[in-house]
Protein backbone atom coordinates (compact mmCIF):
# COMPACT_ATOMS: atom_id res chain seq x y z
CA UNK A 1 -11.13 -10.67 -0.61
CA UNK A 2 -10.80 -7.27 1.08
CA UNK A 3 -8.58 -7.07 4.10
CA UNK A 4 -7.81 -4.21 6.47
CA UNK A 5 -4.47 -2.71 7.33
CA UNK A 6 -4.22 -5.25 10.17
CA UNK A 7 -3.42 -7.88 7.59
CA UNK A 8 0.02 -6.32 7.08
CA UNK A 9 2.65 -8.67 8.45
CA UNK A 10 3.44 -8.58 12.16
CA UNK A 11 7.10 -7.88 11.42
CA UNK A 12 6.20 -4.58 9.79
CA UNK A 13 3.92 -3.58 12.65
CA UNK A 14 6.59 -4.44 15.23
CA UNK A 15 9.15 -2.44 13.26
CA UNK A 16 6.92 0.62 13.26
CA UNK A 17 6.21 0.27 16.97
CA UNK A 18 9.92 -0.14 17.75
CA UNK A 19 10.78 3.02 15.81
CA UNK A 20 8.15 5.03 17.67
CA UNK A 21 9.28 3.69 21.06
CA UNK A 22 12.95 4.39 20.35
CA UNK A 23 12.21 7.93 19.20
CA UNK A 24 9.99 8.55 22.22
CA UNK A 25 12.59 7.26 24.69
CA UNK A 26 15.33 9.27 23.03
CA UNK A 27 13.22 12.42 23.28
CA UNK A 28 12.39 11.86 26.97
CA UNK A 29 15.90 10.84 28.07
CA UNK A 30 17.49 13.76 26.26
CA UNK A 31 15.47 16.24 28.31
CA UNK A 32 14.68 18.09 25.11
CA UNK A 33 11.07 18.60 26.11
CA UNK A 34 12.27 21.08 28.76
CA UNK A 35 14.41 23.05 26.34
CA UNK A 36 12.11 23.47 23.36
CA UNK A 37 11.48 26.98 22.13
CA UNK A 38 10.70 28.46 18.74
CA UNK A 39 14.05 30.24 18.76
CA UNK A 40 15.97 27.01 19.35
CA UNK A 41 13.98 25.16 16.70
CA UNK A 42 14.48 27.94 14.15
CA UNK A 43 18.21 27.82 14.89
CA UNK A 44 18.16 24.12 13.96
CA UNK A 45 16.27 24.92 10.78
CA UNK A 46 18.87 27.54 9.86
CA UNK A 47 21.34 24.73 9.26
CA UNK A 48 21.03 23.80 5.55
CA UNK A 49 21.65 20.15 6.42
CA UNK A 50 18.38 20.01 8.38
CA UNK A 51 16.21 20.40 5.27
CA UNK A 52 18.20 17.70 3.50
CA UNK A 53 17.80 15.35 6.47
CA UNK A 54 14.03 15.88 6.47
CA UNK A 55 13.77 15.08 2.77
CA UNK A 56 16.00 12.01 3.06
CA UNK A 57 14.15 10.61 6.09
CA UNK A 58 10.76 11.12 4.42
CA UNK A 59 12.06 9.40 1.29
CA UNK A 60 13.37 6.39 3.22
CA UNK A 61 10.24 6.15 5.37
CA UNK A 62 7.86 6.14 2.41
CA UNK A 63 10.11 3.79 0.45
CA UNK A 64 9.16 1.22 3.10
CA UNK A 65 5.59 2.53 3.59
CA UNK A 66 6.44 3.70 7.11
CA UNK A 67 4.67 6.66 8.76
CA UNK A 68 6.09 10.02 7.74
CA UNK A 69 3.25 12.38 8.53
CA UNK A 70 4.94 13.56 11.73
CA UNK A 71 7.04 15.89 9.60
CA UNK A 72 3.90 17.88 8.80
CA UNK A 73 3.89 18.89 12.48
CA UNK A 74 7.65 19.14 13.07
CA UNK A 75 8.88 21.04 10.02
CA UNK A 76 6.64 24.11 10.56
CA UNK A 77 8.42 24.75 13.86
CA UNK A 78 11.78 24.83 12.08
CA UNK A 79 10.87 27.10 9.15
CA UNK A 80 8.56 29.85 8.01
CA UNK A 81 5.37 28.58 6.30
CA UNK A 82 6.61 29.01 2.73
CA UNK A 83 9.96 27.30 3.34
CA UNK A 84 8.25 24.55 5.33
CA UNK A 85 5.78 23.97 2.50
CA UNK A 86 8.55 23.69 -0.09
CA UNK A 87 10.59 21.24 2.01
CA UNK A 88 7.58 19.04 2.80
CA UNK A 89 6.45 19.02 -0.83
CA UNK A 90 9.92 17.99 -2.01
CA UNK A 91 10.10 15.29 0.67
CA UNK A 92 6.69 13.98 -0.31
CA UNK A 93 7.64 13.99 -4.00
CA UNK A 94 10.82 11.98 -3.42
CA UNK A 95 9.11 9.69 -0.90
CA UNK A 96 6.17 9.11 -3.23
CA UNK A 97 8.55 8.28 -6.07
CA UNK A 98 10.51 5.84 -3.88
CA UNK A 99 7.39 4.09 -2.60
CA UNK A 100 5.82 3.88 -6.04
CA UNK A 101 8.99 2.39 -7.56
CA UNK A 102 9.41 -0.06 -4.69
CA UNK A 103 5.86 -1.36 -5.09
CA UNK A 104 5.79 -1.43 -8.89
CA UNK A 105 9.26 -2.61 -9.83
CA UNK A 106 10.73 -4.27 -6.72
CA UNK A 107 7.78 -6.00 -5.07
CA UNK A 108 8.44 -9.01 -2.89
CA UNK A 109 6.99 -10.21 0.44
CA UNK A 110 7.11 -6.69 1.89
CA UNK A 111 4.77 -5.35 -0.79
CA UNK A 112 2.33 -8.24 -1.26
CA UNK A 113 0.23 -7.58 1.90
CA UNK A 114 -0.73 -4.20 0.44
CA UNK A 115 -2.26 -5.72 -2.68
CA UNK A 116 -5.61 -6.50 -1.06
CA UNK A 117 -5.99 -3.48 1.18
CA UNK A 118 -9.14 -1.39 0.93
CA UNK A 119 -7.04 1.57 -0.19
CA UNK A 120 -5.72 -0.43 -3.14
CA UNK A 121 -9.19 -1.60 -4.08
CA UNK A 122 -10.52 1.96 -3.84
CA UNK A 123 -7.74 3.42 -6.01
CA UNK A 124 -8.31 0.65 -8.54
CA UNK A 125 -11.83 2.00 -9.07
CA UNK A 126 -11.14 5.69 -8.49
CA UNK A 127 -7.80 6.99 -9.75
CA UNK A 128 -8.61 10.28 -11.45
CA UNK A 129 -6.44 13.32 -10.71
CA UNK A 130 -9.26 14.85 -8.66
CA UNK A 131 -9.66 11.76 -6.48
CA UNK A 132 -5.92 11.33 -5.97
CA UNK A 133 -5.77 14.98 -4.95
CA UNK A 134 -8.66 14.50 -2.51
CA UNK A 135 -7.04 11.42 -0.97
CA UNK A 136 -3.79 13.31 -0.40
CA UNK A 137 -5.24 16.50 1.02
CA UNK A 138 -7.72 14.80 3.36
CA UNK A 139 -6.64 14.80 7.05
CA UNK A 140 -5.12 11.54 8.27
CA UNK A 141 -4.13 10.27 4.82
CA UNK A 142 -1.86 7.20 4.97
CA UNK A 143 0.63 8.44 2.43
CA UNK A 144 3.04 5.50 2.52
CA UNK A 145 0.26 2.99 1.89
CA UNK A 146 -1.20 5.14 -0.89
CA UNK A 147 2.19 5.15 -2.63
CA UNK A 148 2.41 1.35 -2.48
CA UNK A 149 -1.15 0.93 -3.71
CA UNK A 150 -0.50 3.20 -6.68
CA UNK A 151 2.66 1.28 -7.57
CA UNK A 152 0.92 -2.06 -7.32
CA UNK A 153 -1.90 -0.81 -9.55
CA UNK A 154 0.61 0.78 -11.97
CA UNK A 155 -1.30 4.05 -11.96
CA UNK A 156 0.06 6.64 -14.42
CA UNK A 157 3.01 8.08 -12.52
CA UNK A 158 2.76 11.61 -13.90
CA UNK A 159 -0.85 11.98 -12.81
CA UNK A 160 -0.19 10.36 -9.45
CA UNK A 161 2.85 12.49 -8.62
CA UNK A 162 1.32 15.78 -9.77
CA UNK A 163 -1.88 15.17 -7.75
CA UNK A 164 0.29 14.27 -4.76
CA UNK A 165 2.39 17.42 -4.97
CA UNK A 166 -0.61 19.73 -5.34
CA UNK A 167 -2.50 18.10 -2.47
CA UNK A 168 0.51 17.89 -0.18
CA UNK A 169 1.55 21.48 -0.91
CA UNK A 170 -1.88 22.75 0.12
CA UNK A 171 -1.94 20.58 3.25
CA UNK A 172 1.61 21.55 4.21
CA UNK A 173 0.91 25.26 3.80
CA UNK A 174 -2.24 25.06 5.91
CA UNK A 175 -0.47 23.13 8.66
CA UNK A 176 2.56 25.41 8.56
CA UNK A 177 0.41 28.52 8.78
CA UNK A 178 -1.69 27.08 11.61
CA UNK A 179 1.40 26.15 13.63
CA UNK A 180 3.31 29.35 12.95
CA UNK A 181 4.49 30.92 16.19
CA UNK A 182 2.49 28.56 18.40
CA UNK A 183 4.72 27.08 21.08
CA UNK A 184 1.89 25.17 22.69
CA UNK A 185 0.79 23.36 19.51
CA UNK A 186 3.15 20.43 20.05
CA UNK A 187 0.54 17.71 19.62
CA UNK A 188 -1.70 16.60 16.78
CA UNK A 189 -4.77 17.60 18.78
CA UNK A 190 -3.52 21.16 19.15
CA UNK A 191 -2.25 21.36 15.58
CA UNK A 192 -5.48 20.22 13.95
CA UNK A 193 -7.60 23.19 14.87
CA UNK A 194 -11.11 23.26 13.46
CA UNK A 195 -10.33 25.94 10.82
CA UNK A 196 -7.48 23.83 9.42
CA UNK A 197 -9.48 20.61 9.38
CA UNK A 198 -12.46 22.40 7.85
CA UNK A 199 -10.27 23.82 5.08
CA UNK A 200 -8.75 20.41 4.31
CA UNK A 201 -12.17 18.75 4.20
CA UNK A 202 -13.33 21.51 1.84
CA UNK A 203 -10.39 20.87 -0.50
CA UNK A 204 -11.08 17.13 -0.37
CA UNK A 205 -14.74 17.78 -1.17
CA UNK A 206 -13.65 19.87 -4.16
CA UNK A 207 -11.48 17.02 -5.38
CA UNK A 208 -14.29 14.52 -4.87
CA UNK A 209 -16.71 16.77 -6.70
CA UNK A 210 -14.29 17.06 -9.59
CA UNK A 211 -13.95 13.29 -9.73
CA UNK A 212 -17.74 12.80 -9.78
CA UNK A 213 -18.10 15.35 -12.59
CA UNK A 214 -15.31 13.66 -14.56
CA UNK A 215 -16.89 10.22 -14.18
CA UNK A 216 -20.27 11.62 -15.25
CA UNK A 217 -18.61 13.16 -18.30
CA UNK A 218 -16.97 9.84 -19.19
CA UNK A 219 -20.31 8.03 -18.90
CA UNK A 220 -22.03 10.61 -21.10
CA UNK A 221 -19.21 10.32 -23.64
CA UNK A 222 -19.54 6.55 -23.68
CA UNK A 223 -23.30 6.77 -24.22
CA UNK A 224 -22.82 9.32 -27.00
CA UNK A 225 -20.26 7.12 -28.75
CA UNK A 226 -22.52 4.07 -28.41
CA UNK A 227 -25.45 6.01 -29.83
CA UNK A 228 -23.38 7.25 -32.74
CA UNK A 229 -22.10 3.76 -33.53
CA UNK A 230 -25.59 2.28 -33.43
CA UNK A 231 -26.97 4.85 -35.89
CA UNK A 232 -27.56 3.18 -39.29
């Protein structure tokens, strides 16, 4: 029976809410919102430890299927677009690997609620490289849940990781470029300008089109093989 994301245990939802509340309170109480500038943020990014922290946090977050997409909007303020893209792609690669391994080889009560999600059911039917790419590059993708679903389904890891890295690299570069030098783009609404969203939807459409073509090819191949086998 299909269930929505609401079926995930209340403990997980409360944990996510608590993390968001704590981070929000820390940001407000610190007064950082009155001191933010591109120069200050770039100074933070100049510290080599910052990139490592971003990668580690993304890895831990996705290992537990927690939200990590905020880094797509934070990292571009710390680095130039190319450096931001590289860091985000590495973080997504390590986070994807951690989430996939956790779901496939560790399992347990934390993973089970994801088994019947619509995302899992969808990936069970559509797991070509093109579709995995489209799912990753599309705006609003729930990356942590996708990682768990792929692990549960035991999708081929090489295909899954390569599609993830290509899709995430494109998305990260578009976001980083769109946010470059924009002090006012400190919210998702400002960051997701219509050119960026349009470009991402176009990439997703390309991936979907590739998947449809691949499935059509597989069907034609199956019919050809069946016809050849039935020939006396």
